[in-house]
C-alpha cells in the first residue's frame, strides 16, 4: 500500500480497522524521524510525500481475520489525524 499526503500539513495514520472490530498493529519504517516513522500520534506522513507500506517502510499487521483468503476483498478503514476516516477495499493476495 502507498499513502500520499498532498496537504500542506503533516499527517499521521493512527489506526487501521477491519470488519468485526479488528485493529491493525502499526510499526514504523527504518527512519526514526520523518516519513514513515512511528511516533505517539501514529505513522508520520510529511506534506507532499508518499509513504510505501512495504519492505523497510512502515507496516500494518492485520490479525483475527475470519473467512478471508486470497482473492477476496477486505474492507479496511484508515483513520488519519487530519483527514479523518478513509474507507477502502483491499484485494487479498497470497505471498
PDB file of N, CA and C in Angstrom:
ATOM      1  N   UNK A   1       0.848  -1.155   0.000  1.00  0.00           N
ATOM      2  CA  UNK A   1       0.000   0.000   0.000  1.00  0.00           C
ATOM      3  C   UNK A   1       0.899   1.225   0.000  1.00  0.00           C
ATOM      4  N   UNK A   2       0.485   2.246  -0.699  1.00  0.00           N
ATOM      5  CA  UNK A   2       1.146   3.552  -0.691  1.00  0.00           C
ATOM      6  C   UNK A   2       0.128   4.592  -0.255  1.00  0.00           C
ATOM      7  N   UNK A   3       0.585   5.543   0.553  1.00  0.00           N
ATOM      8  CA  UNK A   3      -0.282   6.625   1.004  1.00  0.00           C
ATOM      9  C   UNK A   3       0.402   7.940   0.663  1.00  0.00           C
ATOM     10  N   UNK A   4      -0.322   8.823  -0.030  1.00  0.00           N
ATOM     11  CA  UNK A   4       0.222  10.125  -0.444  1.00  0.00           C
ATOM     12  C   UNK A   4      -0.436  11.230   0.370  1.00  0.00           C
ATOM     13  N   UNK A   5       0.366  12.149   0.887  1.00  0.00           N
ATOM     14  CA  UNK A   5      -0.142  13.316   1.601  1.00  0.00           C
ATOM     15  C   UNK A   5       0.070  14.549   0.724  1.00  0.00           C
ATOM     16  N   UNK A   6      -0.982  15.000   0.066  1.00  0.00           N
ATOM     17  CA  UNK A   6      -0.909  16.187  -0.787  1.00  0.00           C
ATOM     18  C   UNK A   6      -1.310  17.457  -0.042  1.00  0.00           C
ATOM     19  N   UNK A   7      -1.579  17.343   1.249  1.00  0.00           N
ATOM     20  CA  UNK A   7      -1.974  18.501   2.038  1.00  0.00           C
ATOM     21  C   UNK A   7      -0.751  19.327   2.420  1.00  0.00           C
ATOM     22  N   UNK A   8      -0.986  20.549   2.881  1.00  0.00           N
ATOM     23  CA  UNK A   8       0.100  21.418   3.321  1.00  0.00           C
ATOM     24  C   UNK A   8       0.586  21.077   4.725  1.00  0.00           C
ATOM     25  N   UNK A   9      -0.163  20.268   5.436  1.00  0.00           N
ATOM     26  CA  UNK A   9       0.180  19.921   6.818  1.00  0.00           C
ATOM     27  C   UNK A   9       0.631  18.468   6.916  1.00  0.00           C
ATOM     28  N   UNK A  10       1.512  18.165   7.845  1.00  0.00           N
ATOM     29  CA  UNK A  10       1.873  16.770   8.085  1.00  0.00           C
ATOM     30  C   UNK A  10       0.631  15.992   8.531  1.00  0.00           C
ATOM     31  N   UNK A  11       0.643  14.710   8.311  1.00  0.00           N
ATOM     32  CA  UNK A  11      -0.485  13.838   8.634  1.00  0.00           C
ATOM     33  C   UNK A  11       0.032  12.631   9.401  1.00  0.00           C
ATOM     34  N   UNK A  12      -0.837  11.985  10.138  1.00  0.00           N
ATOM     35  CA  UNK A  12      -0.498  10.749  10.846  1.00  0.00           C
ATOM     36  C   UNK A  12      -1.580   9.711  10.584  1.00  0.00           C
ATOM     37  N   UNK A  13      -1.165   8.503  10.229  1.00  0.00           N
ATOM     38  CA  UNK A  13      -2.073   7.363  10.185  1.00  0.00           C
ATOM     39  C   UNK A  13      -2.062   6.783  11.586  1.00  0.00           C
ATOM     40  N   UNK A  14      -3.202   6.880  12.290  1.00  0.00           N
ATOM     41  CA  UNK A  14      -3.171   6.443  13.677  1.00  0.00           C
ATOM     42  C   UNK A  14      -3.976   5.188  13.959  1.00  0.00           C
ATOM     43  N   UNK A  15      -4.728   4.665  12.991  1.00  0.00           N
ATOM     44  CA  UNK A  15      -5.465   3.441  13.246  1.00  0.00           C
ATOM     45  C   UNK A  15      -5.896   2.808  11.932  1.00  0.00           C
ATOM     46  N   UNK A  16      -5.865   1.477  11.888  1.00  0.00           N
ATOM     47  CA  UNK A  16      -6.383   0.710  10.761  1.00  0.00           C
ATOM     48  C   UNK A  16      -7.360  -0.302  11.349  1.00  0.00           C
ATOM     49  N   UNK A  17      -8.587  -0.304  10.833  1.00  0.00           N
ATOM     50  CA  UNK A  17      -9.619  -1.206  11.355  1.00  0.00           C
ATOM     51  C   UNK A  17     -10.128  -2.112  10.253  1.00  0.00           C
ATOM     52  N   UNK A  18     -10.544  -3.313  10.650  1.00  0.00           N
ATOM     53  CA  UNK A  18     -11.133  -4.296   9.747  1.00  0.00           C
ATOM     54  C   UNK A  18     -12.492  -4.709  10.299  1.00  0.00           C
ATOM     55  N   UNK A  19     -13.299  -5.412   9.506  1.00  0.00           N
ATOM     56  CA  UNK A  19     -14.608  -5.842   9.995  1.00  0.00           C
ATOM     57  C   UNK A  19     -14.487  -6.653  11.288  1.00  0.00           C
ATOM     58  N   UNK A  20     -15.559  -6.718  12.006  1.00  0.00           N
ATOM     59  CA  UNK A  20     -15.630  -7.455  13.271  1.00  0.00           C
ATOM     60  C   UNK A  20     -14.727  -6.864  14.343  1.00  0.00           C
ATOM     61  N   UNK A  21     -14.441  -5.564  14.260  1.00  0.00           N
ATOM     62  CA  UNK A  21     -13.676  -4.887  15.298  1.00  0.00           C
ATOM     63  C   UNK A  21     -12.184  -5.133  15.286  1.00  0.00           C
ATOM     64  N   UNK A  22     -11.649  -5.694  14.203  1.00  0.00           N
ATOM     65  CA  UNK A  22     -10.216  -5.937  14.125  1.00  0.00           C
ATOM     66  C   UNK A  22      -9.429  -4.643  14.046  1.00  0.00           C
ATOM     67  N   UNK A  23      -8.258  -4.620  14.649  1.00  0.00           N
ATOM     68  CA  UNK A  23      -7.375  -3.456  14.618  1.00  0.00           C
ATOM     69  C   UNK A  23      -6.000  -3.878  14.118  1.00  0.00           C
ATOM     70  N   UNK A  24      -5.433  -3.091  13.222  1.00  0.00           N
ATOM     71  CA  UNK A  24      -4.096  -3.352  12.729  1.00  0.00           C
ATOM     72  C   UNK A  24      -3.056  -2.899  13.740  1.00  0.00           C
ATOM     73  N   UNK A  25      -1.922  -3.584  13.747  1.00  0.00           N
ATOM     74  CA  UNK A  25      -0.800  -3.199  14.597  1.00  0.00           C
ATOM     75  C   UNK A  25       0.171  -2.418  13.719  1.00  0.00           C
ATOM     76  N   UNK A  26       0.398  -1.153  14.065  1.00  0.00           N
ATOM     77  CA  UNK A  26       1.258  -0.275  13.282  1.00  0.00           C
ATOM     78  C   UNK A  26       2.705  -0.410  13.740  1.00  0.00           C
ATOM     79  N   UNK A  27       3.617  -0.436  12.782  1.00  0.00           N
ATOM     80  CA  UNK A  27       5.050  -0.375  13.099  1.00  0.00           C
ATOM     81  C   UNK A  27       5.702   0.569  12.101  1.00  0.00           C
ATOM     82  N   UNK A  28       6.701   1.307  12.584  1.00  0.00           N
ATOM     83  CA  UNK A  28       7.354   2.310  11.761  1.00  0.00           C
ATOM     84  C   UNK A  28       8.403   1.709  10.849  1.00  0.00           C
ATOM     85  N   UNK A  29       8.834   2.510   9.881  1.00  0.00           N
ATOM     86  CA  UNK A  29       9.890   2.110   8.961  1.00  0.00           C
ATOM     87  C   UNK A  29      11.257   2.313   9.583  1.00  0.00           C
ATOM     88  N   UNK A  30      12.301   2.227   8.776  1.00  0.00           N
ATOM     89  CA  UNK A  30      13.675   2.390   9.252  1.00  0.00           C
ATOM     90  C   UNK A  30      13.921   3.763   9.854  1.00  0.00           C
ATOM     91  N   UNK A  31      13.315   4.780   9.256  1.00  0.00           N
ATOM     92  CA  UNK A  31      13.522   6.142   9.740  1.00  0.00           C
ATOM     93  C   UNK A  31      12.923   6.295  11.133  1.00  0.00           C
ATOM     94  N   UNK A  32      13.678   6.911  12.041  1.00  0.00           N
ATOM     95  CA  UNK A  32      13.132   7.194  13.367  1.00  0.00           C
ATOM     96  C   UNK A  32      12.541   8.595  13.413  1.00  0.00           C
ATOM     97  N   UNK A  33      12.789   9.394  12.380  1.00  0.00           N
ATOM     98  CA  UNK A  33      12.221  10.736  12.239  1.00  0.00           C
ATOM     99  C   UNK A  33      11.856  10.904  10.770  1.00  0.00           C
ATOM    100  N   UNK A  34      10.765  11.584  10.493  1.00  0.00           N
ATOM    101  CA  UNK A  34      10.389  11.819   9.105  1.00  0.00           C
ATOM    102  C   UNK A  34       9.405  10.795   8.591  1.00  0.00           C
ATOM    103  N   UNK A  35       9.273  10.762   7.273  1.00  0.00           N
ATOM    104  CA  UNK A  35       8.287   9.898   6.628  1.00  0.00           C
ATOM    105  C   UNK A  35       8.364   8.452   7.099  1.00  0.00           C
ATOM    106  N   UNK A  36       7.211   7.923   7.469  1.00  0.00           N
ATOM    107  CA  UNK A  36       7.118   6.524   7.837  1.00  0.00           C
ATOM    108  C   UNK A  36       7.508   6.214   9.260  1.00  0.00           C
ATOM    109  N   UNK A  37       7.981   7.196  10.003  1.00  0.00           N
ATOM    110  CA  UNK A  37       8.359   6.957  11.397  1.00  0.00           C
ATOM    111  C   UNK A  37       7.107   6.787  12.250  1.00  0.00           C
ATOM    112  N   UNK A  38       7.191   5.938  13.247  1.00  0.00           N
ATOM    113  CA  UNK A  38       6.089   5.730  14.184  1.00  0.00           C
ATOM    114  C   UNK A  38       6.353   6.582  15.413  1.00  0.00           C
ATOM    115  N   UNK A  39       5.407   7.455  15.739  1.00  0.00           N
ATOM    116  CA  UNK A  39       5.505   8.244  16.966  1.00  0.00           C
ATOM    117  C   UNK A  39       4.175   8.094  17.707  1.00  0.00           C
ATOM    118  N   UNK A  40       4.004   8.722  18.854  1.00  0.00           N
ATOM    119  CA  UNK A  40       2.765   8.523  19.617  1.00  0.00           C
ATOM    120  C   UNK A  40       1.485   8.866  18.858  1.00  0.00           C
ATOM    121  N   UNK A  41       1.557   9.729  17.850  1.00  0.00           N
ATOM    122  CA  UNK A  41       0.372  10.100  17.068  1.00  0.00           C
ATOM    123  C   UNK A  41       0.086   9.122  15.933  1.00  0.00           C
ATOM    124  N   UNK A  42       1.015   8.216  15.628  1.00  0.00           N
ATOM    125  CA  UNK A  42       0.828   7.255  14.540  1.00  0.00           C
ATOM    126  C   UNK A  42       1.996   7.304  13.572  1.00  0.00           C
ATOM    127  N   UNK A  43       1.769   6.829  12.366  1.00  0.00           N
ATOM    128  CA  UNK A  43       2.816   6.816  11.339  1.00  0.00           C
ATOM    129  C   UNK A  43       2.809   8.166  10.622  1.00  0.00           C
ATOM    130  N   UNK A  44       3.952   8.830  10.636  1.00  0.00           N
ATOM    131  CA  UNK A  44       4.078  10.183  10.092  1.00  0.00           C
ATOM    132  C   UNK A  44       4.114  10.180   8.571  1.00  0.00           C
ATOM    133  N   UNK A  45       3.323  11.081   7.978  1.00  0.00           N
ATOM    134  CA  UNK A  45       3.296  11.315   6.539  1.00  0.00           C
ATOM    135  C   UNK A  45       3.542  12.806   6.339  1.00  0.00           C
ATOM    136  N   UNK A  46       4.753  13.171   5.949  1.00  0.00           N
ATOM    137  CA  UNK A  46       5.087  14.581   5.754  1.00  0.00           C
ATOM    138  C   UNK A  46       4.327  15.152   4.567  1.00  0.00           C
ATOM    139  N   UNK A  47       4.141  16.457   4.566  1.00  0.00           N
ATOM    140  CA  UNK A  47       3.453  17.148   3.481  1.00  0.00           C
ATOM    141  C   UNK A  47       4.149  16.887   2.153  1.00  0.00           C
ATOM    142  N   UNK A  48       3.369  16.558   1.117  1.00  0.00           N
ATOM    143  CA  UNK A  48       3.920  16.337  -0.211  1.00  0.00           C
ATOM    144  C   UNK A  48       4.659  15.028  -0.390  1.00  0.00           C
ATOM    145  N   UNK A  49       4.501  14.096   0.527  1.00  0.00           N
ATOM    146  CA  UNK A  49       5.254  12.837   0.452  1.00  0.00           C
ATOM    147  C   UNK A  49       4.347  11.651   0.170  1.00  0.00           C
ATOM    148  N   UNK A  50       4.972  10.574  -0.290  1.00  0.00           N
ATOM    149  CA  UNK A  50       4.309   9.288  -0.460  1.00  0.00           C
ATOM    150  C   UNK A  50       5.051   8.277   0.404  1.00  0.00           C
ATOM    151  N   UNK A  51       4.317   7.571   1.238  1.00  0.00           N
ATOM    152  CA  UNK A  51       4.909   6.558   2.116  1.00  0.00           C
ATOM    153  C   UNK A  51       4.428   5.193   1.652  1.00  0.00           C
ATOM    154  N   UNK A  52       5.391   4.312   1.393  1.00  0.00           N
ATOM    155  CA  UNK A  52       5.082   2.937   0.969  1.00  0.00           C
ATOM    156  C   UNK A  52       5.123   2.014   2.179  1.00  0.00           C
ATOM    157  N   UNK A  53       4.084   1.234   2.335  1.00  0.00           N
ATOM    158  CA  UNK A  53       3.990   0.272   3.423  1.00  0.00           C
ATOM    159  C   UNK A  53       4.454  -1.082   2.899  1.00  0.00           C
ATOM    160  N   UNK A  54       5.777  -1.233   2.808  1.00  0.00           N
ATOM    161  CA  UNK A  54       6.362  -2.487   2.341  1.00  0.00           C
ATOM    162  C   UNK A  54       7.850  -2.491   2.656  1.00  0.00           C
ATOM    163  N   UNK A  55       8.499  -3.606   2.472  1.00  0.00           N
ATOM    164  CA  UNK A  55       9.951  -3.698   2.642  1.00  0.00           C
ATOM    165  C   UNK A  55      10.438  -3.080   3.930  1.00  0.00           C
ATOM    166  N   UNK A  56      11.276  -2.040   3.814  1.00  0.00           N
ATOM    167  CA  UNK A  56      11.837  -1.408   5.002  1.00  0.00           C
ATOM    168  C   UNK A  56      10.967  -0.258   5.503  1.00  0.00           C
ATOM    169  N   UNK A  57       9.839  -0.008   4.849  1.00  0.00           N
ATOM    170  CA  UNK A  57       8.935   1.061   5.267  1.00  0.00           C
ATOM    171  C   UNK A  57       8.064   0.641   6.431  1.00  0.00           C
ATOM    172  N   UNK A  58       7.131   1.483   6.799  1.00  0.00           N
ATOM    173  CA  UNK A  58       6.220   1.134   7.886  1.00  0.00           C
ATOM    174  C   UNK A  58       5.330  -0.039   7.479  1.00  0.00           C
ATOM    175  N   UNK A  59       4.727  -0.655   8.477  1.00  0.00           N
ATOM    176  CA  UNK A  59       3.859  -1.813   8.233  1.00  0.00           C
ATOM    177  C   UNK A  59       2.596  -1.739   9.074  1.00  0.00           C
ATOM    178  N   UNK A  60       1.565  -2.422   8.573  1.00  0.00           N
ATOM    179  CA  UNK A  60       0.337  -2.634   9.325  1.00  0.00           C
ATOM    180  C   UNK A  60       0.094  -4.133   9.315  1.00  0.00           C
ATOM    181  N   UNK A  61       0.117  -4.741  10.492  1.00  0.00           N
ATOM    182  CA  UNK A  61      -0.137  -6.182  10.587  1.00  0.00           C
ATOM    183  C   UNK A  61      -1.581  -6.391  11.016  1.00  0.00           C
ATOM    184  N   UNK A  62      -2.312  -7.129  10.177  1.00  0.00           N
ATOM    185  CA  UNK A  62      -3.713  -7.411  10.456  1.00  0.00           C
ATOM    186  C   UNK A  62      -3.845  -8.820  10.997  1.00  0.00           C
ATOM    187  N   UNK A  63      -4.620  -8.977  12.023  1.00  0.00           N
ATOM    188  CA  UNK A  63      -4.855 -10.300  12.605  1.00  0.00           C
ATOM    189  C   UNK A  63      -6.325 -10.491  12.886  1.00  0.00           C
ATOM    190  N   UNK A  64      -6.668 -11.667  13.315  1.00  0.00           N
ATOM    191  CA  UNK A  64      -8.041 -12.008  13.685  1.00  0.00           C
ATOM    192  C   UNK A  64      -9.032 -11.815  12.551  1.00  0.00           C
ATOM    193  N   UNK A  65      -8.595 -12.120  11.338  1.00  0.00           N
ATOM    194  CA  UNK A  65      -9.495 -12.053  10.191  1.00  0.00           C
ATOM    195  C   UNK A  65     -10.092 -13.434   9.979  1.00  0.00           C
ATOM    196  N   UNK A  66     -11.400 -13.488   9.863  1.00  0.00           N
ATOM    197  CA  UNK A  66     -12.083 -14.765   9.705  1.00  0.00           C
ATOM    198  C   UNK A  66     -12.704 -14.861   8.318  1.00  0.00           C
ATOM    199  N   UNK A  67     -12.457 -15.974   7.633  1.00  0.00           N
ATOM    200  CA  UNK A  67     -13.058 -16.216   6.335  1.00  0.00           C
ATOM    201  C   UNK A  67     -12.438 -15.433   5.200  1.00  0.00           C
ATOM    202  N   UNK A  68     -11.274 -14.833   5.423  1.00  0.00           N
ATOM    203  CA  UNK A  68     -10.606 -14.064   4.374  1.00  0.00           C
ATOM    204  C   UNK A  68      -9.454 -14.898   3.817  1.00  0.00           C
ATOM    205  N   UNK A  69      -9.514 -15.172   2.538  1.00  0.00           N
ATOM    206  CA  UNK A  69      -8.451 -15.929   1.872  1.00  0.00           C
ATOM    207  C   UNK A  69      -8.016 -15.151   0.634  1.00  0.00           C
ATOM    208  N   UNK A  70      -7.001 -15.654  -0.036  1.00  0.00           N
ATOM    209  CA  UNK A  70      -6.515 -14.990  -1.254  1.00  0.00           C
ATOM    210  C   UNK A  70      -7.657 -14.787  -2.239  1.00  0.00           C
ATOM    211  N   UNK A  71      -7.600 -13.685  -2.943  1.00  0.00           N
ATOM    212  CA  UNK A  71      -8.557 -13.265  -3.969  1.00  0.00           C
ATOM    213  C   UNK A  71      -9.864 -12.721  -3.402  1.00  0.00           C
ATOM    214  N   UNK A  72      -9.953 -12.505  -2.098  1.00  0.00           N
ATOM    215  CA  UNK A  72     -11.105 -11.832  -1.506  1.00  0.00           C
ATOM    216  C   UNK A  72     -10.800 -10.345  -1.372  1.00  0.00           C
ATOM    217  N   UNK A  73     -11.848  -9.547  -1.267  1.00  0.00           N
ATOM    218  CA  UNK A  73     -11.694  -8.131  -0.932  1.00  0.00           C
ATOM    219  C   UNK A  73     -11.949  -7.969   0.556  1.00  0.00           C
ATOM    220  N   UNK A  74     -11.116  -7.167   1.203  1.00  0.00           N
ATOM    221  CA  UNK A  74     -11.234  -6.908   2.632  1.00  0.00           C
ATOM    222  C   UNK A  74     -11.579  -5.438   2.821  1.00  0.00           C
ATOM    223  N   UNK A  75     -12.649  -5.171   3.547  1.00  0.00           N
ATOM    224  CA  UNK A  75     -12.999  -3.791   3.870  1.00  0.00           C
ATOM    225  C   UNK A  75     -12.039  -3.300   4.948  1.00  0.00           C
ATOM    226  N   UNK A  76     -11.446  -2.128   4.730  1.00  0.00           N
ATOM    227  CA  UNK A  76     -10.467  -1.567   5.654  1.00  0.00           C
ATOM    228  C   UNK A  76     -10.816  -0.103   5.877  1.00  0.00           C
ATOM    229  N   UNK A  77     -10.698   0.351   7.114  1.00  0.00           N
ATOM    230  CA  UNK A  77     -10.878   1.756   7.445  1.00  0.00           C
ATOM    231  C   UNK A  77      -9.565   2.292   7.982  1.00  0.00           C
ATOM    232  N   UNK A  78      -9.075   3.369   7.376  1.00  0.00           N
ATOM    233  CA  UNK A  78      -7.865   4.044   7.836  1.00  0.00           C
ATOM    234  C   UNK A  78      -8.305   5.311   8.565  1.00  0.00           C
ATOM    235  N   UNK A  79      -7.730   5.563   9.727  1.00  0.00           N
ATOM    236  CA  UNK A  79      -8.042   6.790  10.455  1.00  0.00           C
ATOM    237  C   UNK A  79      -6.811   7.674  10.503  1.00  0.00           C
ATOM    238  N   UNK A  80      -6.964   8.875   9.951  1.00  0.00           N
ATOM    239  CA  UNK A  80      -5.890   9.861   9.919  1.00  0.00           C
ATOM    240  C   UNK A  80      -6.209  10.981  10.899  1.00  0.00           C
ATOM    241  N   UNK A  81      -5.169  11.601  11.456  1.00  0.00           N
ATOM    242  CA  UNK A  81      -5.351  12.680  12.430  1.00  0.00           C
ATOM    243  C   UNK A  81      -6.037  13.889  11.816  1.00  0.00           C
ATOM    244  N   UNK A  82      -5.679  14.260  10.591  1.00  0.00           N
ATOM    245  CA  UNK A  82      -6.241  15.454   9.943  1.00  0.00           C
ATOM    246  C   UNK A  82      -7.384  15.082   9.004  1.00  0.00           C
ATOM    247  N   UNK A  83      -7.190  14.147   8.127  1.00  0.00           N
ATOM    248  CA  UNK A  83      -8.176  13.797   7.105  1.00  0.00           C
ATOM    249  C   UNK A  83      -9.371  13.018   7.654  1.00  0.00           C
ATOM    250  N   UNK A  84      -9.206  12.368   8.797  1.00  0.00           N
ATOM    251  CA  UNK A  84     -10.297  11.587   9.369  1.00  0.00           C
ATOM    252  C   UNK A  84     -10.321  10.180   8.808  1.00  0.00           C
ATOM    253  N   UNK A  85     -11.527   9.629   8.643  1.00  0.00           N
ATOM    254  CA  UNK A  85     -11.688   8.248   8.210  1.00  0.00           C
ATOM    255  C   UNK A  85     -11.689   8.117   6.694  1.00  0.00           C
ATOM    256  N   UNK A  86     -10.981   7.098   6.209  1.00  0.00           N
ATOM    257  CA  UNK A  86     -10.974   6.742   4.795  1.00  0.00           C
ATOM    258  C   UNK A  86     -11.314   5.264   4.721  1.00  0.00           C
ATOM    259  N   UNK A  87     -12.371   4.935   3.989  1.00  0.00           N
ATOM    260  CA  UNK A  87     -12.780   3.533   3.839  1.00  0.00           C
ATOM    261  C   UNK A  87     -12.381   3.048   2.456  1.00  0.00           C
ATOM    262  N   UNK A  88     -11.848   1.820   2.416  1.00  0.00           N
ATOM    263  CA  UNK A  88     -11.422   1.263   1.140  1.00  0.00           C
ATOM    264  C   UNK A  88     -11.568  -0.245   1.155  1.00  0.00           C
ATOM    265  N   UNK A  89     -11.404  -0.844  -0.015  1.00  0.00           N
ATOM    266  CA  UNK A  89     -11.362  -2.293  -0.157  1.00  0.00           C
ATOM    267  C   UNK A  89      -9.975  -2.673  -0.587  1.00  0.00           C
ATOM    268  N   UNK A  90      -9.398  -3.639   0.108  1.00  0.00           N
ATOM    269  CA  UNK A  90      -8.054  -4.135  -0.233  1.00  0.00           C
ATOM    270  C   UNK A  90      -8.198  -5.533  -0.804  1.00  0.00           C
ATOM    271  N   UNK A  91      -7.521  -5.786  -1.913  1.00  0.00           N
ATOM    272  CA  UNK A  91      -7.520  -7.110  -2.532  1.00  0.00           C
ATOM    273  C   UNK A  91      -6.497  -7.975  -1.803  1.00  0.00           C
ATOM    274  N   UNK A  92      -6.912  -9.120  -1.307  1.00  0.00           N
ATOM    275  CA  UNK A  92      -6.041 -10.025  -0.566  1.00  0.00           C
ATOM    276  C   UNK A  92      -5.341 -10.948  -1.559  1.00  0.00           C
ATOM    277  N   UNK A  93      -4.027 -11.013  -1.457  1.00  0.00           N
ATOM    278  CA  UNK A  93      -3.230 -11.898  -2.306  1.00  0.00           C
ATOM    279  C   UNK A  93      -2.361 -12.781  -1.419  1.00  0.00           C
ATOM    280  N   UNK A  94      -1.974 -13.934  -1.947  1.00  0.00           N
ATOM    281  CA  UNK A  94      -1.095 -14.813  -1.169  1.00  0.00           C
ATOM    282  C   UNK A  94       0.355 -14.405  -1.394  1.00  0.00           C
ATOM    283  N   UNK A  95       1.201 -14.669  -0.420  1.00  0.00           N
ATOM    284  CA  UNK A  95       2.641 -14.337  -0.545  1.00  0.00           C
ATOM    285  C   UNK A  95       3.367 -15.351  -1.365  1.00  0.00           C
TER     286      UNK A  95
END
